[in-house]
Amino acid sequence: MTAPYQPVPASGGNDKTTLWGVLGIVFALCCAPLGIVFAVLSMNEAKKVGKPPTLAYVGFGLAALSIIIGIISAATGAFSGMTSSTS
């Protein structure tokens, strides 16, 4: 009896899932729209190679949190004292 065909998992260096995921997380903290772009790239790559898109989900979550905090900060006037005065 022969064993059923088992697909060979992709080696660690062939896919960019981790790279895009980490970039998505890093950029989600400082530039949320760019973090979303990298998270989407990570999710697409993960689907292509059959890996779980965990890092993409973390990037999406952090980007959403960053956007929400920015909106709340702007609405409460947290940025109003950041004007530069030259005297």
PDB file of N, CA and C in Angstrom:
ATOM      1  N   MET A   1       0.841  -1.166   0.000  1.00  0.00           N
ATOM      2  CA  MET A   1       0.000   0.000   0.000  1.00  0.00           C
ATOM      3  C   MET A   1       0.891   1.236   0.000  1.00  0.00           C
ATOM      4  N   THR A   2       0.673   2.109  -0.927  1.00  0.00           N
ATOM      5  CA  THR A   2       1.492   3.316  -1.014  1.00  0.00           C
ATOM      6  C   THR A   2       0.855   4.438  -0.215  1.00  0.00           C
ATOM      7  N   ALA A   3       1.691   5.264   0.302  1.00  0.00           N
ATOM      8  CA  ALA A   3       1.218   6.414   1.085  1.00  0.00           C
ATOM      9  C   ALA A   3       0.615   7.454   0.141  1.00  0.00           C
ATOM     10  N   PRO A   4      -0.394   8.171   0.593  1.00  0.00           N
ATOM     11  CA  PRO A   4      -0.965   9.217  -0.256  1.00  0.00           C
ATOM     12  C   PRO A   4       0.053  10.324  -0.492  1.00  0.00           C
ATOM     13  N   TYR A   5      -0.140  11.023  -1.571  1.00  0.00           N
ATOM     14  CA  TYR A   5       0.769  12.118  -1.930  1.00  0.00           C
ATOM     15  C   TYR A   5       0.734  13.191  -0.854  1.00  0.00           C
ATOM     16  N   GLN A   6       1.887  13.547  -0.379  1.00  0.00           N
ATOM     17  CA  GLN A   6       2.014  14.620   0.606  1.00  0.00           C
ATOM     18  C   GLN A   6       2.754  15.783  -0.043  1.00  0.00           C
ATOM     19  N   PRO A   7       2.157  16.969  -0.084  1.00  0.00           N
ATOM     20  CA  PRO A   7       2.877  18.100  -0.672  1.00  0.00           C
ATOM     21  C   PRO A   7       4.097  18.468   0.163  1.00  0.00           C
ATOM     22  N   VAL A   8       5.129  18.851  -0.501  1.00  0.00           N
ATOM     23  CA  VAL A   8       6.363  19.243   0.175  1.00  0.00           C
ATOM     24  C   VAL A   8       6.190  20.662   0.681  1.00  0.00           C
ATOM     25  N   PRO A   9       6.372  20.905   1.979  1.00  0.00           N
ATOM     26  CA  PRO A   9       6.228  22.273   2.481  1.00  0.00           C
ATOM     27  C   PRO A   9       7.322  23.174   1.909  1.00  0.00           C
ATOM     28  N   ALA A  10       6.968  24.421   1.698  1.00  0.00           N
ATOM     29  CA  ALA A  10       7.933  25.376   1.156  1.00  0.00           C
ATOM     30  C   ALA A  10       9.032  25.620   2.173  1.00  0.00           C
ATOM     31  N   SER A  11      10.231  25.762   1.685  1.00  0.00           N
ATOM     32  CA  SER A  11      11.333  26.037   2.591  1.00  0.00           C
ATOM     33  C   SER A  11      11.214  27.466   3.107  1.00  0.00           C
ATOM     34  N   GLY A  12      11.873  27.747   4.206  1.00  0.00           N
ATOM     35  CA  GLY A  12      11.752  29.041   4.863  1.00  0.00           C
ATOM     36  C   GLY A  12      12.186  30.214   4.010  1.00  0.00           C
ATOM     37  N   GLY A  13      13.108  30.016   3.080  1.00  0.00           N
ATOM     38  CA  GLY A  13      13.610  31.128   2.303  1.00  0.00           C
ATOM     39  C   GLY A  13      12.833  31.419   1.037  1.00  0.00           C
ATOM     40  N   ASN A  14      11.861  30.572   0.689  1.00  0.00           N
ATOM     41  CA  ASN A  14      11.174  30.748  -0.582  1.00  0.00           C
ATOM     42  C   ASN A  14      10.012  31.724  -0.542  1.00  0.00           C
ATOM     43  N   ASP A  15       9.375  31.878   0.590  1.00  0.00           N
ATOM     44  CA  ASP A  15       8.221  32.765   0.634  1.00  0.00           C
ATOM     45  C   ASP A  15       8.534  34.009   1.452  1.00  0.00           C
ATOM     46  N   LYS A  16       7.751  35.024   1.228  1.00  0.00           N
ATOM     47  CA  LYS A  16       7.985  36.297   1.897  1.00  0.00           C
ATOM     48  C   LYS A  16       6.903  36.588   2.937  1.00  0.00           C
ATOM     49  N   THR A  17       6.212  35.561   3.403  1.00  0.00           N
ATOM     50  CA  THR A  17       5.128  35.767   4.364  1.00  0.00           C
ATOM     51  C   THR A  17       5.635  36.452   5.628  1.00  0.00           C
ATOM     52  N   THR A  18       6.720  35.952   6.181  1.00  0.00           N
ATOM     53  CA  THR A  18       7.249  36.523   7.410  1.00  0.00           C
ATOM     54  C   THR A  18       7.773  37.932   7.184  1.00  0.00           C
ATOM     55  N   LEU A  19       8.458  38.148   6.076  1.00  0.00           N
ATOM     56  CA  LEU A  19       8.982  39.473   5.776  1.00  0.00           C
ATOM     57  C   LEU A  19       7.857  40.491   5.678  1.00  0.00           C
ATOM     58  N   TRP A  20       6.834  40.192   4.875  1.00  0.00           N
ATOM     59  CA  TRP A  20       5.721  41.139   4.719  1.00  0.00           C
ATOM     60  C   TRP A  20       4.993  41.325   6.046  1.00  0.00           C
ATOM     61  N   GLY A  21       4.844  40.245   6.814  1.00  0.00           N
ATOM     62  CA  GLY A  21       4.148  40.332   8.091  1.00  0.00           C
ATOM     63  C   GLY A  21       4.861  41.225   9.091  1.00  0.00           C
ATOM     64  N   VAL A  22       6.166  41.053   9.198  1.00  0.00           N
ATOM     65  CA  VAL A  22       6.943  41.878  10.126  1.00  0.00           C
ATOM     66  C   VAL A  22       6.937  43.330   9.671  1.00  0.00           C
ATOM     67  N   LEU A  23       7.083  43.559   8.371  1.00  0.00           N
ATOM     68  CA  LEU A  23       7.009  44.930   7.875  1.00  0.00           C
ATOM     69  C   LEU A  23       5.628  45.531   8.126  1.00  0.00           C
ATOM     70  N   GLY A  24       4.591  44.722   7.998  1.00  0.00           N
ATOM     71  CA  GLY A  24       3.241  45.197   8.282  1.00  0.00           C
ATOM     72  C   GLY A  24       3.082  45.616   9.728  1.00  0.00           C
ATOM     73  N   ILE A  25       3.656  44.842  10.643  1.00  0.00           N
ATOM     74  CA  ILE A  25       3.571  45.179  12.066  1.00  0.00           C
ATOM     75  C   ILE A  25       4.361  46.443  12.369  1.00  0.00           C
ATOM     76  N   VAL A  26       5.570  46.538  11.851  1.00  0.00           N
ATOM     77  CA  VAL A  26       6.418  47.702  12.126  1.00  0.00           C
ATOM     78  C   VAL A  26       5.780  48.971  11.567  1.00  0.00           C
ATOM     79  N   PHE A  27       5.329  48.918  10.311  1.00  0.00           N
ATOM     80  CA  PHE A  27       4.752  50.109   9.719  1.00  0.00           C
ATOM     81  C   PHE A  27       3.361  50.423  10.266  1.00  0.00           C
ATOM     82  N   ALA A  28       2.669  49.436  10.816  1.00  0.00           N
ATOM     83  CA  ALA A  28       1.367  49.702  11.437  1.00  0.00           C
ATOM     84  C   ALA A  28       1.520  50.614  12.644  1.00  0.00           C
ATOM     85  N   LEU A  29       2.670  50.555  13.296  1.00  0.00           N
ATOM     86  CA  LEU A  29       2.903  51.379  14.471  1.00  0.00           C
ATOM     87  C   LEU A  29       3.260  52.818  14.125  1.00  0.00           C
ATOM     88  N   CYS A  30       3.867  53.048  12.973  1.00  0.00           N
ATOM     89  CA  CYS A  30       4.297  54.408  12.649  1.00  0.00           C
ATOM     90  C   CYS A  30       3.569  55.003  11.445  1.00  0.00           C
ATOM     91  N   CYS A  31       3.081  54.186  10.546  1.00  0.00           N
ATOM     92  CA  CYS A  31       2.386  54.657   9.347  1.00  0.00           C
ATOM     93  C   CYS A  31       1.325  53.612   8.985  1.00  0.00           C
ATOM     94  N   ALA A  32       0.146  53.766   9.570  1.00  0.00           N
ATOM     95  CA  ALA A  32      -0.888  52.733   9.488  1.00  0.00           C
ATOM     96  C   ALA A  32      -1.266  52.334   8.054  1.00  0.00           C
ATOM     97  N   PRO A  33      -1.439  53.271   7.117  1.00  0.00           N
ATOM     98  CA  PRO A  33      -1.802  52.841   5.761  1.00  0.00           C
ATOM     99  C   PRO A  33      -0.743  51.936   5.121  1.00  0.00           C
ATOM    100  N   LEU A  34       0.511  52.231   5.351  1.00  0.00           N
ATOM    101  CA  LEU A  34       1.578  51.389   4.818  1.00  0.00           C
ATOM    102  C   LEU A  34       1.599  50.036   5.531  1.00  0.00           C
ATOM    103  N   GLY A  35       1.273  50.011   6.809  1.00  0.00           N
ATOM    104  CA  GLY A  35       1.163  48.753   7.536  1.00  0.00           C
ATOM    105  C   GLY A  35       0.068  47.871   6.975  1.00  0.00           C
ATOM    106  N   ILE A  36      -1.047  48.480   6.576  1.00  0.00           N
ATOM    107  CA  ILE A  36      -2.143  47.726   5.972  1.00  0.00           C
ATOM    108  C   ILE A  36      -1.708  47.126   4.643  1.00  0.00           C
ATOM    109  N   VAL A  37      -0.964  47.889   3.853  1.00  0.00           N
ATOM    110  CA  VAL A  37      -0.486  47.391   2.558  1.00  0.00           C
ATOM    111  C   VAL A  37       0.398  46.164   2.761  1.00  0.00           C
ATOM    112  N   PHE A  38       1.337  46.241   3.707  1.00  0.00           N
ATOM    113  CA  PHE A  38       2.222  45.098   3.944  1.00  0.00           C
ATOM    114  C   PHE A  38       1.468  43.917   4.555  1.00  0.00           C
ATOM    115  N   ALA A  39       0.452  44.186   5.363  1.00  0.00           N
ATOM    116  CA  ALA A  39      -0.353  43.097   5.924  1.00  0.00           C
ATOM    117  C   ALA A  39      -1.123  42.369   4.817  1.00  0.00           C
ATOM    118  N   VAL A  40      -1.624  43.136   3.843  1.00  0.00           N
ATOM    119  CA  VAL A  40      -2.313  42.510   2.707  1.00  0.00           C
ATOM    120  C   VAL A  40      -1.336  41.652   1.907  1.00  0.00           C
ATOM    121  N   LEU A  41      -0.134  42.161   1.677  1.00  0.00           N
ATOM    122  CA  LEU A  41       0.874  41.379   0.969  1.00  0.00           C
ATOM    123  C   LEU A  41       1.205  40.101   1.733  1.00  0.00           C
ATOM    124  N   SER A  42       1.308  40.194   3.054  1.00  0.00           N
ATOM    125  CA  SER A  42       1.590  39.022   3.872  1.00  0.00           C
ATOM    126  C   SER A  42       0.456  38.010   3.793  1.00  0.00           C
ATOM    127  N   MET A  43      -0.781  38.489   3.834  1.00  0.00           N
ATOM    128  CA  MET A  43      -1.915  37.571   3.768  1.00  0.00           C
ATOM    129  C   MET A  43      -1.969  36.861   2.413  1.00  0.00           C
ATOM    130  N   ASN A  44      -1.743  37.600   1.331  1.00  0.00           N
ATOM    131  CA  ASN A  44      -1.744  36.990   0.003  1.00  0.00           C
ATOM    132  C   ASN A  44      -0.640  35.948  -0.137  1.00  0.00           C
ATOM    133  N   GLU A  45       0.534  36.259   0.363  1.00  0.00           N
ATOM    134  CA  GLU A  45       1.655  35.321   0.293  1.00  0.00           C
ATOM    135  C   GLU A  45       1.385  34.081   1.152  1.00  0.00           C
ATOM    136  N   ALA A  46       0.782  34.279   2.315  1.00  0.00           N
ATOM    137  CA  ALA A  46       0.476  33.146   3.189  1.00  0.00           C
ATOM    138  C   ALA A  46      -0.526  32.213   2.528  1.00  0.00           C
ATOM    139  N   LYS A  47      -1.521  32.768   1.863  1.00  0.00           N
ATOM    140  CA  LYS A  47      -2.498  31.928   1.167  1.00  0.00           C
ATOM    141  C   LYS A  47      -1.841  31.166   0.021  1.00  0.00           C
ATOM    142  N   LYS A  48      -0.890  31.822  -0.639  1.00  0.00           N
ATOM    143  CA  LYS A  48      -0.231  31.195  -1.784  1.00  0.00           C
ATOM    144  C   LYS A  48       0.611  29.993  -1.356  1.00  0.00           C
ATOM    145  N   VAL A  49       1.314  30.109  -0.234  1.00  0.00           N
ATOM    146  CA  VAL A  49       2.205  29.034   0.194  1.00  0.00           C
ATOM    147  C   VAL A  49       1.582  28.126   1.242  1.00  0.00           C
ATOM    148  N   GLY A  50       0.368  28.428   1.687  1.00  0.00           N
ATOM    149  CA  GLY A  50      -0.317  27.569   2.641  1.00  0.00           C
ATOM    150  C   GLY A  50       0.095  27.747   4.083  1.00  0.00           C
ATOM    151  N   LYS A  51       0.561  28.914   4.439  1.00  0.00           N
ATOM    152  CA  LYS A  51       0.928  29.195   5.824  1.00  0.00           C
ATOM    153  C   LYS A  51      -0.202  29.954   6.504  1.00  0.00           C
ATOM    154  N   PRO A  52      -0.265  29.918   7.825  1.00  0.00           N
ATOM    155  CA  PRO A  52      -1.289  30.712   8.517  1.00  0.00           C
ATOM    156  C   PRO A  52      -0.945  32.205   8.463  1.00  0.00           C
ATOM    157  N   PRO A  53      -1.929  33.058   8.213  1.00  0.00           N
ATOM    158  CA  PRO A  53      -1.665  34.501   8.075  1.00  0.00           C
ATOM    159  C   PRO A  53      -1.676  35.246   9.407  1.00  0.00           C
ATOM    160  N   THR A  54      -1.067  34.683  10.425  1.00  0.00           N
ATOM    161  CA  THR A  54      -1.094  35.271  11.764  1.00  0.00           C
ATOM    162  C   THR A  54      -0.469  36.656  11.799  1.00  0.00           C
ATOM    163  N   LEU A  55       0.698  36.819  11.185  1.00  0.00           N
ATOM    164  CA  LEU A  55       1.362  38.123  11.201  1.00  0.00           C
ATOM    165  C   LEU A  55       0.542  39.173  10.462  1.00  0.00           C
ATOM    166  N   ALA A  56      -0.160  38.773   9.422  1.00  0.00           N
ATOM    167  CA  ALA A  56      -1.020  39.710   8.704  1.00  0.00           C
ATOM    168  C   ALA A  56      -2.145  40.185   9.614  1.00  0.00           C
ATOM    169  N   TYR A  57      -2.742  39.270  10.371  1.00  0.00           N
ATOM    170  CA  TYR A  57      -3.811  39.657  11.291  1.00  0.00           C
ATOM    171  C   TYR A  57      -3.308  40.617  12.365  1.00  0.00           C
ATOM    172  N   VAL A  58      -2.105  40.371  12.875  1.00  0.00           N
ATOM    173  CA  VAL A  58      -1.520  41.260  13.874  1.00  0.00           C
ATOM    174  C   VAL A  58      -1.279  42.633  13.257  1.00  0.00           C
ATOM    175  N   GLY A  59      -0.772  42.670  12.024  1.00  0.00           N
ATOM    176  CA  GLY A  59      -0.557  43.946  11.342  1.00  0.00           C
ATOM    177  C   GLY A  59      -1.849  44.709  11.133  1.00  0.00           C
ATOM    178  N   PHE A  60      -2.918  43.997  10.720  1.00  0.00           N
ATOM    179  CA  PHE A  60      -4.218  44.649  10.552  1.00  0.00           C
ATOM    180  C   PHE A  60      -4.716  45.215  11.881  1.00  0.00           C
ATOM    181  N   GLY A  61      -4.594  44.431  12.936  1.00  0.00           N
ATOM    182  CA  GLY A  61      -5.072  44.874  14.246  1.00  0.00           C
ATOM    183  C   GLY A  61      -4.329  46.091  14.755  1.00  0.00           C
ATOM    184  N   LEU A  62      -3.002  46.078  14.626  1.00  0.00           N
ATOM    185  CA  LEU A  62      -2.214  47.218  15.081  1.00  0.00           C
ATOM    186  C   LEU A  62      -2.471  48.460  14.234  1.00  0.00           C
ATOM    187  N   ALA A  63      -2.649  48.279  12.938  1.00  0.00           N
ATOM    188  CA  ALA A  63      -2.948  49.423  12.076  1.00  0.00           C
ATOM    189  C   ALA A  63      -4.305  50.025  12.437  1.00  0.00           C
ATOM    190  N   ALA A  64      -5.294  49.172  12.669  1.00  0.00           N
ATOM    191  CA  ALA A  64      -6.617  49.667  13.061  1.00  0.00           C
ATOM    192  C   ALA A  64      -6.541  50.391  14.401  1.00  0.00           C
ATOM    193  N   LEU A  65      -5.814  49.822  15.353  1.00  0.00           N
ATOM    194  CA  LEU A  65      -5.651  50.458  16.655  1.00  0.00           C
ATOM    195  C   LEU A  65      -4.942  51.802  16.530  1.00  0.00           C
ATOM    196  N   SER A  66      -3.933  51.863  15.690  1.00  0.00           N
ATOM    197  CA  SER A  66      -3.202  53.104  15.467  1.00  0.00           C
ATOM    198  C   SER A  66      -4.104  54.176  14.858  1.00  0.00           C
ATOM    199  N   ILE A  67      -4.931  53.778  13.901  1.00  0.00           N
ATOM    200  CA  ILE A  67      -5.849  54.734  13.273  1.00  0.00           C
ATOM    201  C   ILE A  67      -6.880  55.222  14.291  1.00  0.00           C
ATOM    202  N   ILE A  68      -7.422  54.315  15.087  1.00  0.00           N
ATOM    203  CA  ILE A  68      -8.425  54.693  16.088  1.00  0.00           C
ATOM    204  C   ILE A  68      -7.830  55.635  17.129  1.00  0.00           C
ATOM    205  N   ILE A  69      -6.630  55.345  17.602  1.00  0.00           N
ATOM    206  CA  ILE A  69      -5.968  56.212  18.578  1.00  0.00           C
ATOM    207  C   ILE A  69      -5.692  57.583  17.968  1.00  0.00           C
ATOM    208  N   GLY A  70      -5.299  57.617  16.702  1.00  0.00           N
ATOM    209  CA  GLY A  70      -5.070  58.898  16.032  1.00  0.00           C
ATOM    210  C   GLY A  70      -6.334  59.723  15.909  1.00  0.00           C
ATOM    211  N   ILE A  71      -7.435  59.063  15.577  1.00  0.00           N
ATOM    212  CA  ILE A  71      -8.710  59.778  15.465  1.00  0.00           C
ATOM    213  C   ILE A  71      -9.153  60.311  16.821  1.00  0.00           C
ATOM    214  N   ILE A  72      -9.041  59.479  17.857  1.00  0.00           N
ATOM    215  CA  ILE A  72      -9.429  59.924  19.198  1.00  0.00           C
ATOM    216  C   ILE A  72      -8.538  61.065  19.673  1.00  0.00           C
ATOM    217  N   SER A  73      -7.248  60.966  19.416  1.00  0.00           N
ATOM    218  CA  SER A  73      -6.324  62.030  19.819  1.00  0.00           C
ATOM    219  C   SER A  73      -6.626  63.337  19.108  1.00  0.00           C
ATOM    220  N   ALA A  74      -6.933  63.256  17.831  1.00  0.00           N
ATOM    221  CA  ALA A  74      -7.263  64.469  17.084  1.00  0.00           C
ATOM    222  C   ALA A  74      -8.587  65.060  17.551  1.00  0.00           C
ATOM    223  N   ALA A  75      -9.555  64.207  17.873  1.00  0.00           N
ATOM    224  CA  ALA A  75     -10.866  64.686  18.300  1.00  0.00           C
ATOM    225  C   ALA A  75     -10.823  65.318  19.687  1.00  0.00           C
ATOM    226  N   THR A  76      -9.944  64.851  20.543  1.00  0.00           N
ATOM    227  CA  THR A  76      -9.873  65.396  21.901  1.00  0.00           C
ATOM    228  C   THR A  76      -8.911  66.569  22.018  1.00  0.00           C
ATOM    229  N   GLY A  77      -8.261  66.912  20.920  1.00  0.00           N
ATOM    230  CA  GLY A  77      -7.354  68.053  20.940  1.00  0.00           C
ATOM    231  C   GLY A  77      -5.986  67.735  21.492  1.00  0.00           C
ATOM    232  N   ALA A  78      -5.591  66.493  21.469  1.00  0.00           N
ATOM    233  CA  ALA A  78      -4.281  66.119  21.994  1.00  0.00           C
ATOM    234  C   ALA A  78      -3.153  66.716  21.171  1.00  0.00           C
ATOM    235  N   PHE A  79      -3.417  67.027  19.916  1.00  0.00           N
ATOM    236  CA  PHE A  79      -2.381  67.586  19.053  1.00  0.00           C
ATOM    237  C   PHE A  79      -2.409  69.106  19.009  1.00  0.00           C
ATOM    238  N   SER A  80      -3.314  69.748  19.739  1.00  0.00           N
ATOM    239  CA  SER A  80      -3.460  71.201  19.645  1.00  0.00           C
ATOM    240  C   SER A  80      -2.279  71.959  20.241  1.00  0.00           C
ATOM    241  N   GLY A  81      -1.593  71.380  21.186  1.00  0.00           N
ATOM    242  CA  GLY A  81      -0.457  72.049  21.803  1.00  0.00           C
ATOM    243  C   GLY A  81       0.852  71.796  21.079  1.00  0.00           C
ATOM    244  N   MET A  82       0.805  71.198  19.906  1.00  0.00           N
ATOM    245  CA  MET A  82       2.019  70.835  19.199  1.00  0.00           C
ATOM    246  C   MET A  82       2.433  71.868  18.164  1.00  0.00           C
ATOM    247  N   THR A  83       1.880  73.045  18.196  1.00  0.00           N
ATOM    248  CA  THR A  83       2.257  74.066  17.226  1.00  0.00           C
ATOM    249  C   THR A  83       3.591  74.680  17.633  1.00  0.00           C
ATOM    250  N   SER A  84       4.360  75.042  16.649  1.00  0.00           N
ATOM    251  CA  SER A  84       5.653  75.649  16.944  1.00  0.00           C
ATOM    252  C   SER A  84       5.501  77.158  16.961  1.00  0.00           C
ATOM    253  N   SER A  85       6.079  77.757  17.945  1.00  0.00           N
ATOM    254  CA  SER A  85       6.009  79.226  18.038  1.00  0.00           C
ATOM    255  C   SER A  85       7.425  79.764  17.947  1.00  0.00           C
ATOM    256  N   THR A  86       7.571  80.775  17.157  1.00  0.00           N
ATOM    257  CA  THR A  86       8.884  81.417  17.020  1.00  0.00           C
ATOM    258  C   THR A  86       8.809  82.769  17.674  1.00  0.00           C
ATOM    259  N   SER A  87       9.592  82.956  18.699  1.00  0.00           N
ATOM    260  CA  SER A  87       9.581  84.243  19.371  1.00  0.00           C
ATOM    261  C   SER A  87      10.956  84.683  19.757  1.00  0.00           C
TER     262      SER A  87
END
